[in-house]
Protein backbone atom coordinates (compact mmCIF):
# COMPACT_ATOMS: atom_id res chain seq x y z
CA MET A 1 -47.89 -48.26 -7.17
CA THR A 2 -47.27 -50.50 -10.21
CA LYS A 3 -44.10 -51.27 -12.30
CA SER A 4 -45.36 -49.40 -15.66
CA GLN A 5 -46.66 -46.41 -13.75
CA ALA A 6 -42.89 -46.32 -12.83
CA ASP A 7 -41.42 -46.90 -15.99
CA SER A 8 -43.32 -44.94 -17.92
CA SER A 9 -42.40 -41.75 -15.57
CA LYS A 10 -38.50 -42.51 -17.14
CA GLU A 11 -40.24 -41.73 -20.76
CA LYS A 12 -39.59 -38.08 -22.68
CA GLY A 13 -42.56 -36.24 -22.99
CA ASP A 14 -44.42 -33.05 -21.73
CA TYR A 15 -46.83 -32.32 -19.46
CA ASN A 16 -50.12 -30.72 -20.59
CA VAL A 17 -51.15 -27.48 -20.21
CA LEU A 18 -52.56 -28.06 -17.04
CA GLY A 19 -50.41 -30.46 -15.62
CA LYS A 20 -47.69 -27.81 -15.92
CA SER A 21 -50.07 -24.72 -14.66
CA LEU A 22 -51.02 -26.88 -11.57
CA TYR A 23 -47.38 -26.99 -11.36
CA ASN A 24 -46.31 -23.79 -11.14
CA LEU A 25 -49.19 -22.66 -9.04
CA VAL A 26 -47.26 -25.24 -6.62
CA SER A 27 -44.27 -23.13 -6.66
CA PHE A 28 -46.22 -20.24 -6.24
CA ILE A 29 -47.64 -22.03 -3.09
CA GLU A 30 -44.48 -23.69 -1.68
CA GLY A 31 -42.92 -19.57 -1.76
CA TYR A 32 -46.05 -18.47 0.11
CA ASP A 33 -45.70 -21.64 2.79
CA GLN A 34 -41.96 -21.32 3.39
CA GLN A 35 -41.85 -17.61 4.05
CA VAL A 36 -44.80 -17.87 6.84
CA LEU A 37 -42.41 -18.40 9.50
CA SER A 38 -40.28 -15.99 9.21
CA MET A 39 -43.06 -13.58 8.85
CA CYS A 40 -44.52 -15.03 12.06
CA MET A 41 -40.71 -14.47 14.13
CA ARG A 42 -42.07 -10.80 15.89
CA ALA A 43 -46.31 -12.19 15.92
CA PHE A 44 -44.48 -15.28 18.18
CA GLU A 45 -42.16 -13.66 20.51
CA LEU A 46 -45.75 -11.65 21.56
CA THR A 47 -47.70 -13.80 21.98
CA LEU A 48 -46.60 -16.49 22.44
CA GLY A 49 -43.14 -16.13 24.29
CA PHE A 50 -40.71 -17.43 22.17
CA SER A 51 -36.82 -15.94 22.74
CA GLN A 52 -34.51 -14.89 19.25
CA SER A 53 -32.80 -18.83 20.28
CA GLN A 54 -36.33 -20.57 20.67
CA LEU A 55 -37.50 -18.95 17.20
CA SER A 56 -33.98 -20.08 15.41
CA THR A 57 -34.03 -23.55 16.91
CA LEU A 58 -37.42 -23.76 15.13
CA ALA A 59 -36.20 -22.10 11.80
CA THR A 60 -33.53 -25.12 11.74
CA VAL A 61 -35.77 -27.80 13.22
CA SER A 62 -37.89 -26.70 9.85
CA THR A 63 -35.23 -26.12 7.30
CA MET A 64 -33.87 -29.51 9.02
CA SER A 65 -36.94 -30.86 7.99
CA ARG A 66 -38.04 -30.09 4.62
CA MET A 67 -33.53 -30.85 3.26
CA GLY A 68 -33.76 -33.96 4.79
CA CYS A 69 -36.19 -35.26 3.76
CA CYS A 70 -35.03 -34.45 0.49
CA LEU A 71 -33.11 -37.85 -0.91
CA ILE A 72 -36.67 -40.05 -0.22
CA TRP A 73 -38.80 -37.92 -2.42
CA GLY A 74 -36.04 -37.57 -5.16
CA LEU A 75 -35.91 -41.61 -5.20
CA LEU A 76 -39.43 -41.68 -5.53
CA ALA A 77 -39.15 -38.97 -8.07
CA ASP A 78 -37.03 -40.85 -9.90
CA THR A 79 -39.03 -44.11 -10.00
CA ASN A 80 -42.49 -43.28 -9.91
CA GLU A 81 -44.88 -41.32 -11.43
CA SER A 82 -44.34 -37.97 -10.40
CA ARG A 83 -48.10 -36.31 -9.82
CA TYR A 84 -48.27 -39.03 -7.64
CA VAL A 85 -44.91 -38.20 -5.33
CA LEU A 86 -45.90 -34.29 -5.94
CA GLY A 87 -49.78 -35.80 -4.53
CA ALA A 88 -48.90 -37.27 -1.56
CA GLY A 89 -46.91 -34.72 -0.74
CA LEU A 90 -48.68 -32.14 -1.06
CA LEU A 91 -51.12 -33.87 0.83
CA LEU A 92 -49.39 -34.54 4.02
CA MET A 93 -48.27 -30.67 3.83
CA GLY A 94 -51.85 -29.78 4.39
CA VAL A 95 -52.29 -32.26 7.10
CA ALA A 96 -49.52 -30.68 9.19
CA SER A 97 -50.51 -26.93 8.44
CA ILE A 98 -53.72 -27.26 9.89
CA PHE A 99 -52.03 -28.68 12.85
CA LEU A 100 -49.56 -26.43 13.11
CA SER A 101 -52.36 -24.08 13.80
CA SER A 102 -53.70 -24.89 16.70
CA ALA A 103 -50.24 -25.53 18.22
CA SER A 104 -48.92 -23.40 20.93
CA HIS A 105 -46.30 -25.25 23.09
CA TYR A 106 -42.58 -24.58 21.87
CA LYS A 107 -42.51 -28.36 21.58
CA VAL A 108 -45.54 -29.10 20.30
CA GLN A 109 -44.73 -26.72 17.65
CA LYS A 110 -41.38 -27.68 16.28
CA ILE A 111 -42.58 -31.24 16.06
CA VAL A 112 -45.31 -30.60 13.77
CA ALA A 113 -43.22 -28.02 12.10
CA GLU A 114 -40.83 -30.15 11.43
CA SER A 115 -43.90 -32.82 10.13
CA ASP A 116 -44.88 -29.94 7.53
CA ASP A 117 -41.37 -28.74 5.98
CA SER A 118 -40.64 -32.21 5.82
CA LYS A 119 -42.94 -32.91 2.91
CA GLU A 120 -41.91 -29.16 0.99
CA SER A 121 -38.57 -30.93 -0.19
CA ASN A 122 -41.01 -32.92 -2.66
CA THR A 123 -41.64 -29.74 -5.41
CA SER A 124 -38.08 -28.85 -5.60
CA ASN A 125 -37.24 -32.42 -6.60
CA GLY A 126 -40.75 -32.60 -9.24
CA GLU A 127 -38.98 -29.47 -10.47
CA THR A 128 -35.60 -31.83 -11.58
CA GLY A 129 -37.69 -35.01 -12.42
CA GLN A 130 -40.66 -32.47 -14.52
CA GLN A 131 -36.79 -31.07 -16.19
CA GLN A 132 -36.41 -34.82 -16.71
CA THR A 133 -39.86 -35.37 -18.85
CA ASN A 134 -38.85 -32.90 -21.06
CA LYS A 135 -38.24 -33.39 -24.50
CA LYS A 136 -36.36 -29.72 -25.14
CA PRO A 137 -33.49 -29.27 -24.49
CA LYS A 138 -32.38 -28.39 -20.79
CA SER A 139 -31.71 -25.48 -19.79
CA SER A 140 -31.71 -23.34 -16.82
CA SER A 141 -34.95 -21.69 -17.99
CA LYS A 142 -37.12 -23.71 -16.52
CA PHE A 143 -35.19 -23.57 -12.67
CA THR A 144 -34.78 -20.14 -12.55
CA ILE A 145 -39.15 -19.62 -13.82
CA PHE A 146 -39.97 -21.72 -10.96
CA GLN A 147 -37.64 -19.72 -8.41
CA ALA A 148 -39.36 -16.93 -10.24
CA LEU A 149 -42.81 -18.27 -8.92
CA ASN A 150 -41.24 -18.76 -5.61
CA CYS A 151 -40.40 -15.53 -4.74
CA ILE A 152 -43.74 -13.84 -5.86
CA GLY A 153 -45.19 -16.25 -3.10
CA ARG A 154 -42.87 -14.41 -0.61
CA LEU A 155 -44.06 -11.26 -1.60
CA LEU A 156 -47.33 -12.46 -1.53
CA CYS A 157 -46.93 -13.60 1.92
CA ALA A 158 -44.96 -10.94 3.23
CA VAL A 159 -47.65 -8.38 2.56
CA ILE A 160 -50.47 -10.55 3.76
CA THR A 161 -49.14 -12.40 6.88
CA THR A 162 -47.13 -9.17 8.36
CA ILE A 163 -50.68 -6.86 8.30
CA ILE A 164 -52.44 -10.18 9.51
CA ALA A 165 -49.45 -12.02 12.23
CA ARG A 166 -51.02 -10.53 15.37
CA LYS A 167 -54.13 -9.11 14.61
CA VAL A 168 -56.91 -11.22 15.87
CA LEU A 169 -59.46 -12.58 12.90
CA LEU A 170 -62.98 -14.67 13.80
CA GLY A 171 -61.15 -14.78 17.60
CA TYR A 172 -58.10 -16.36 16.68
CA TYR A 173 -54.68 -14.99 15.73
CA GLY A 174 -53.95 -13.72 12.43
CA TRP A 175 -50.95 -16.53 11.91
CA ARG A 176 -52.90 -18.77 12.83
CA THR A 177 -55.82 -18.19 9.86
CA SER A 178 -53.12 -18.28 7.60
CA TYR A 179 -51.29 -22.26 8.72
CA VAL A 180 -55.84 -23.10 8.84
CA VAL A 181 -55.87 -21.41 5.26
CA LEU A 182 -52.57 -23.28 4.00
CA GLY A 183 -53.35 -26.37 4.56
CA TYR A 184 -56.73 -26.71 2.67
CA ILE A 185 -55.28 -25.19 0.00
CA TRP A 186 -52.58 -27.53 0.03
CA ILE A 187 -55.09 -30.28 0.42
CA LEU A 188 -56.39 -29.05 -2.23
CA PHE A 189 -53.37 -28.24 -5.09
CA ALA A 190 -53.02 -32.41 -4.08
CA ILE A 191 -56.31 -33.63 -5.45
CA GLY A 192 -56.09 -30.83 -8.19
CA VAL A 193 -52.29 -32.43 -9.01
CA VAL A 194 -53.74 -36.56 -8.83
CA PHE A 195 -56.61 -35.84 -10.88
CA GLY A 196 -54.66 -32.92 -13.58
CA MET A 197 -51.50 -33.49 -14.60
CA GLU A 198 -51.28 -35.84 -17.38
CA LEU A 199 -47.05 -36.77 -18.83
CA LYS A 200 -47.75 -36.67 -23.09
CA LYS A 201 -44.99 -39.33 -24.48
CA SER A 202 -42.36 -37.84 -27.02
CA SER A 203 -43.54 -39.39 -30.22
CA THR A 204 -39.33 -39.31 -30.84
CA GLY A 205 -38.98 -43.11 -30.72
CA ASP A 206 -36.68 -42.04 -28.43
CA ASP A 207 -35.86 -44.81 -25.35
CA SER A 208 -35.51 -42.54 -22.40
CA ARG A 209 -35.87 -45.73 -20.00
CA ALA A 210 -33.38 -46.05 -17.31
CA PRO A 211 -31.09 -48.52 -18.02
CA SER A 212 -31.75 -52.66 -17.23
CA SER A 213 -29.48 -52.28 -13.76
CA SER A 214 -32.54 -49.49 -12.29
CA THR A 215 -35.09 -51.64 -14.06
CA SER A 216 -33.84 -55.54 -13.58
CA GLY A 217 -34.25 -57.78 -10.29
CA THR A 218 -36.20 -57.99 -6.75
CA PRO A 219 -37.60 -53.75 -5.92
CA SER A 220 -35.09 -54.10 -3.36
CA GLU A 221 -32.41 -54.28 -5.41
CA ARG A 222 -33.55 -51.73 -7.72
CA PHE A 223 -33.19 -49.59 -4.98
CA THR A 224 -29.77 -50.19 -3.81
CA ASP A 225 -28.74 -49.75 -7.04
CA LYS A 226 -30.92 -46.33 -8.34
CA VAL A 227 -29.09 -45.28 -3.89
CA SER A 228 -25.63 -46.31 -4.36
CA GLY A 229 -25.90 -45.33 -8.24
CA ALA A 230 -26.67 -41.45 -6.74
CA PHE A 231 -24.04 -41.39 -4.04
CA SER A 232 -21.32 -42.17 -6.39
CA ALA A 233 -22.99 -39.40 -8.88
CA VAL A 234 -22.47 -37.50 -6.27
CA PHE A 235 -19.23 -37.94 -4.27
CA LYS A 236 -16.96 -39.33 -7.91
CA CYS A 237 -18.12 -35.50 -9.19
CA ASN A 238 -15.75 -32.27 -8.16
CA THR A 239 -18.16 -29.97 -9.59
CA ALA A 240 -20.78 -31.83 -7.24
CA GLY A 241 -19.49 -32.06 -3.70
CA ILE A 242 -18.38 -28.25 -4.76
CA CYS A 243 -21.83 -27.41 -5.36
CA ILE A 244 -23.10 -29.06 -2.01
CA PHE A 245 -20.80 -26.32 -0.26
CA THR A 246 -22.41 -23.68 -2.92
CA LEU A 247 -26.14 -24.40 -1.90
CA PHE A 248 -25.28 -24.00 1.84
CA ILE A 249 -23.48 -20.85 1.85
CA ALA A 250 -26.68 -20.27 -0.52
CA GLU A 251 -29.09 -20.38 2.44
CA ALA A 252 -27.00 -17.50 3.90
CA PRO A 253 -29.31 -14.25 2.76
CA MET A 254 -32.21 -16.69 3.59
CA CYS A 255 -31.09 -16.77 6.94
CA ALA A 256 -30.44 -13.28 7.23
CA PHE A 257 -33.75 -12.44 5.58
CA ASN A 258 -35.89 -14.13 8.41
CA TYR A 259 -35.36 -10.93 10.82
CA MET A 260 -35.36 -7.97 8.01
CA THR A 261 -39.07 -7.32 9.35
CA ILE A 262 -38.62 -7.63 12.92
CA TYR A 263 -35.42 -5.07 12.19
CA LEU A 264 -37.08 -3.10 10.70
CA GLN A 265 -39.93 -2.84 13.41
CA TYR A 266 -37.58 -2.23 15.81
CA LEU A 267 -36.46 1.08 13.79
CA GLY A 268 -39.91 2.64 14.07
CA VAL A 269 -40.97 0.88 9.98
CA SER A 270 -45.23 0.21 10.68
CA ASP A 271 -46.07 -3.64 10.12
CA THR A 272 -47.23 -2.56 6.93
CA MET A 273 -44.12 -1.02 5.47
CA ALA A 274 -42.14 -3.66 6.79
CA GLY A 275 -44.48 -5.99 5.02
CA VAL A 276 -44.13 -4.15 1.81
CA ALA A 277 -40.19 -3.77 2.41
CA ILE A 278 -40.21 -7.87 2.42
CA ALA A 279 -42.78 -7.85 -0.56
CA VAL A 280 -40.14 -5.18 -2.68
CA THR A 281 -36.63 -7.71 -1.82
CA LEU A 282 -39.00 -10.42 -2.95
CA ILE A 283 -39.93 -8.48 -6.35
CA GLY A 284 -36.47 -8.13 -6.95
CA GLY A 285 -35.73 -12.05 -6.37
CA ALA A 286 -39.00 -12.60 -9.10
CA ALA A 287 -37.22 -10.41 -11.51
CA GLY A 288 -34.10 -11.30 -11.02
CA SER A 289 -34.96 -15.10 -11.29
CA GLY A 290 -36.74 -14.52 -14.21
CA ALA A 291 -35.25 -11.79 -16.10
CA GLY A 292 -31.57 -12.33 -14.67
CA GLY A 293 -31.89 -16.40 -15.37
CA LYS A 294 -32.55 -15.32 -19.05
CA ILE A 295 -29.41 -13.01 -19.19
CA ILE A 296 -27.61 -15.65 -17.58
CA ASP A 297 -29.00 -18.74 -19.93
CA LYS A 298 -28.03 -16.32 -23.03
CA ILE A 299 -24.73 -16.06 -21.40
CA GLY A 300 -24.15 -19.51 -20.85
CA GLU A 301 -25.48 -20.65 -24.41
CA TYR A 302 -22.30 -18.12 -25.84
CA CYS A 303 -19.49 -18.96 -23.45
CA PRO A 304 -20.83 -22.67 -21.97
CA GLU A 305 -17.39 -23.19 -20.06
CA TYR A 306 -17.41 -19.92 -18.10
CA GLY A 307 -20.73 -17.79 -18.58
CA GLU A 308 -22.27 -18.98 -16.05
CA LEU A 309 -19.70 -18.88 -13.21
CA ALA A 310 -18.38 -15.16 -14.25
CA SER A 311 -22.15 -14.74 -13.91
CA GLY A 312 -22.67 -16.02 -10.70
CA ILE A 313 -19.26 -14.11 -9.81
CA ALA A 314 -20.41 -11.12 -10.94
CA VAL A 315 -24.04 -11.64 -8.79
CA MET A 316 -21.99 -12.26 -5.76
CA PHE A 317 -19.94 -8.73 -6.19
CA VAL A 318 -23.20 -6.76 -6.77
CA ARG A 319 -24.86 -8.41 -3.35
CA LEU A 320 -21.22 -7.25 -1.98
CA VAL A 321 -21.72 -4.01 -2.73
CA VAL A 322 -25.40 -3.66 -2.37
CA CYS A 323 -24.58 -5.03 1.53
CA LEU A 324 -22.42 -2.66 2.13
CA LEU A 325 -24.45 0.30 1.08
CA PHE A 326 -28.06 -1.24 3.33
CA PHE A 327 -26.19 -2.06 6.51
CA LEU A 328 -23.51 0.80 6.75
CA GLY A 329 -25.43 3.87 4.82
CA LYS A 330 -28.27 5.47 7.18
CA PRO A 331 -30.30 3.10 8.65
CA PRO A 332 -34.15 3.07 8.06
CA CYS A 333 -35.29 5.08 10.86
CA GLY A 334 -39.26 5.76 11.11
CA ARG A 335 -39.65 5.52 7.44
CA LEU A 336 -37.65 3.68 4.19
CA LEU A 337 -35.87 5.98 1.18
CA TRP A 338 -36.08 5.49 -1.94
CA TYR A 339 -32.98 4.23 -1.88
CA HIS A 340 -33.34 1.62 0.70
CA TYR A 341 -36.14 -0.01 -1.54
CA VAL A 342 -33.82 -0.11 -4.05
CA GLU A 343 -30.95 -1.99 -1.87
CA LEU A 344 -33.32 -4.35 -1.33
CA ALA A 345 -34.59 -5.36 -4.91
CA THR A 346 -31.80 -5.43 -5.66
CA LEU A 347 -30.60 -8.06 -2.83
CA GLY A 348 -33.55 -9.59 -3.52
CA GLY A 349 -32.60 -10.42 -7.29
CA THR A 350 -29.32 -11.40 -6.39
CA LEU A 351 -30.72 -14.80 -5.75
CA VAL A 352 -30.69 -15.49 -8.99
CA THR A 353 -27.55 -17.75 -8.32
CA VAL A 354 -29.52 -20.64 -7.00
CA GLY A 355 -32.16 -21.09 -9.78
CA GLY A 356 -29.95 -19.46 -12.89
CA VAL A 357 -26.55 -21.06 -11.91
CA ASP A 358 -25.92 -22.92 -9.09
CA ARG A 359 -29.38 -25.73 -9.62
CA ALA A 360 -28.04 -25.51 -13.78
CA ILE A 361 -24.48 -26.63 -13.21
CA MET A 362 -25.05 -28.95 -10.61
CA ARG A 363 -27.68 -30.77 -13.56
CA ASP A 364 -24.74 -30.26 -15.96
CA SER A 365 -22.66 -32.53 -14.19
CA ILE A 366 -24.15 -35.43 -13.31
CA GLU A 367 -26.42 -37.97 -15.30
CA ASP A 368 -29.72 -37.79 -15.84
CA LYS A 369 -30.58 -41.11 -14.69
CA HIS A 370 -29.19 -40.20 -11.48
CA GLN A 371 -30.73 -35.97 -11.47
CA ALA A 372 -33.94 -36.42 -8.56
CA THR A 373 -32.33 -38.62 -6.37
CA ALA A 374 -28.24 -36.83 -6.54
CA ALA A 375 -29.97 -33.32 -6.99
CA ALA A 376 -32.12 -34.80 -3.57
CA ILE A 377 -28.47 -36.16 -1.62
CA ILE A 378 -26.61 -32.95 -2.27
CA ARG A 379 -30.16 -30.76 -0.79
CA THR A 380 -29.74 -32.99 2.00
CA ILE A 381 -26.41 -32.35 3.35
CA SER A 382 -26.25 -28.53 2.87
CA GLY A 383 -29.43 -27.59 3.81
CA ILE A 384 -29.00 -30.09 6.99
CA SER A 385 -25.60 -28.24 7.51
CA SER A 386 -27.18 -24.91 6.60
CA SER A 387 -29.43 -24.85 9.17
CA VAL A 388 -27.82 -26.76 11.92
CA ILE A 389 -24.71 -23.46 11.38
CA LEU A 390 -26.51 -21.02 9.80
CA TYR A 391 -29.69 -20.40 12.26
CA GLN A 392 -27.71 -21.13 14.99
CA VAL A 393 -24.49 -19.16 14.12
CA SER A 394 -27.63 -16.30 13.56
CA ALA A 395 -29.47 -16.35 16.88
CA TYR A 396 -25.37 -16.90 18.83
CA LEU A 397 -24.42 -13.82 17.16
CA THR A 398 -27.42 -11.67 17.94
CA GLU A 399 -28.31 -12.92 21.58
CA SER A 400 -24.68 -13.72 22.63
CA LEU A 401 -22.39 -11.62 20.87
CA PHE A 402 -24.36 -8.74 20.62
CA GLY A 403 -26.70 -8.52 23.40
CA TYR A 404 -30.20 -8.77 21.98
CA VAL A 405 -33.11 -8.38 24.53
CA PRO A 406 -36.28 -10.26 24.19
CA SER A 407 -39.62 -9.05 24.85
CA ARG A 408 -43.01 -9.04 24.72
CA GLU A 409 -43.69 -5.49 25.30
CA SER A 410 -45.22 -3.86 22.17
CA PHE A 411 -43.01 -1.48 19.91
CA GLU A 412 -44.85 1.57 21.23
CA THR A 413 -44.21 0.82 25.39
CA MET A 414 -40.83 -0.83 24.64
CA ALA A 415 -37.88 1.09 26.53
CA THR A 416 -35.89 2.83 23.78
CA ASP A 417 -32.76 2.08 24.71
CA ILE A 418 -33.63 -1.74 24.61
CA LYS A 419 -35.12 -1.11 20.99
CA GLU A 420 -32.08 0.83 19.88
CA ARG A 421 -29.63 -2.57 21.42
CA ASN A 422 -32.57 -4.97 19.80
CA ALA A 423 -31.72 -3.40 16.19
CA GLU A 424 -28.68 -2.87 16.25
CA ALA A 425 -28.10 -6.30 17.34
CA LEU A 426 -29.91 -7.93 13.98
CA ARG A 427 -28.38 -5.69 11.77
CA LYS A 428 -25.32 -6.99 12.35
CA SER A 429 -26.28 -10.03 12.42
CA MET A 430 -27.15 -10.09 9.00
CA MET A 431 -24.44 -7.57 7.94
CA TYR A 432 -22.24 -10.46 9.17
CA ILE A 433 -23.69 -13.27 7.88
CA ILE A 434 -24.63 -12.12 4.23
CA LEU A 435 -20.93 -10.75 4.47
CA ALA A 436 -19.87 -14.00 4.78
CA GLY A 437 -21.60 -16.39 2.21
CA THR A 438 -20.95 -13.80 -0.48
CA LEU A 439 -17.21 -13.84 0.13
CA LEU A 440 -17.60 -17.73 0.63
CA ASN A 441 -19.97 -18.07 -2.45
CA VAL A 442 -17.29 -16.50 -4.87
CA VAL A 443 -14.74 -18.60 -3.75
CA CYS A 444 -17.11 -22.06 -4.67
CA TYR A 445 -17.31 -20.00 -8.49
CA ILE A 446 -13.50 -19.95 -8.45
CA ALA A 447 -13.03 -23.13 -7.65
CA MET A 448 -15.80 -24.72 -10.05
CA CYS A 449 -13.68 -23.07 -13.37
CA PHE A 450 -11.58 -25.86 -12.13
CA THR A 451 -13.86 -28.60 -12.07
CA TYR A 452 -17.18 -27.82 -14.17
CA ASP A 453 -15.74 -27.36 -18.18
CA ASN A 454 -15.03 -31.14 -18.09
CA GLU A 455 -17.15 -32.56 -16.25
CA ARG A 456 -19.79 -31.19 -18.93
CA GLN A 457 -17.94 -32.85 -21.58
CA SER A 458 -17.54 -36.34 -19.97
CA LYS A 459 -21.38 -36.00 -19.04
CA LYS A 460 -21.67 -35.13 -23.01
CA LYS A 461 -19.55 -38.16 -23.87
CA MET A 462 -21.32 -40.44 -21.92
CA LYS A 463 -24.79 -39.99 -24.03
């Protein structure tokens, strides 16, 4: 890519209507893609004979590859035009999804899943890049819109994939068909993004290019300056350091939700209604990210020092109460009652903190010129840590501590004692992971109360 193209990505402006629409659709489809694996857990167990440990390892590899490539995509997003970076990532994701649909062996599944998810991190870094190019004042509302669209994509996947994953469609299992269709959709979006996204430059006359230190010298020197500057921005900022741990802990509910579908199925809930339950959870996530994000944004404007952090603590308290009600209350034996749906929707709504609090605080604490790369560093460290620790802890709790028994039998023919034992193991595992993550999240927000305002003010003075 030419230097002029790289420089143009640094100019203030806004994307055309088609570009914005394409990016919003990419956020939506990304959510669908991220949900497929968790919706296919029982299908993999039944059709391929995977154990819970293998499924957890598969989820670990998926998350590690996604987060491990954040730094690469962040550097590209900081130094090149967003549409080319995003288009390349989507094209590679499409090809990997098509290959994944034909994989049957466990090791092949791991390798292809790693290749597929390593490209997904480019969309999140593109969100940060889009914030930098927008000429309007920054706010957390953009991130919550992306989060809401992501949740809606997960919702659609929960309904469709749960129903078709184990069925045979055109001679193949439904989960294979899902990956094939998804692959071709990604390829079409890659073409659309490259040729459809156009940056309209701002007419304000502001010089928003990166400092000469990052654009002068040889390409290797510019690369070194960019990386060292981003690492310095992260590790010299106390708030950013806490954000690493906060985003690590924020994965706890998503780790637990991976087992929600199979948990409900073990309780006798039908495949369709289990999918509906996950859909309700994600509707809550979309509504929370949309409406809740707007509310948090307004609170942050009214009280810029501690408004967002106080909102995050309040949301964590709600999650704590609802988690206890859902897992310690009467279980949904055979069917879900109205209050189960309310509890699931509320749990989903508490995910608003990822876009409305965590990423907004991270953005306000780091210099604009290092936004995408620094965000990628934080996501890489926190994401790899969560995938290595949380998913493996979940597998250990489920199988080794609580006695989950893998089975390739259908739920109709499976022994009652095995179903009850497995359901109880999944219930305890999910509950402890969510509760521990919630309490640690509160600790992180309290710690940020002592660092965030000072570093936010310091960033303002540097402008």
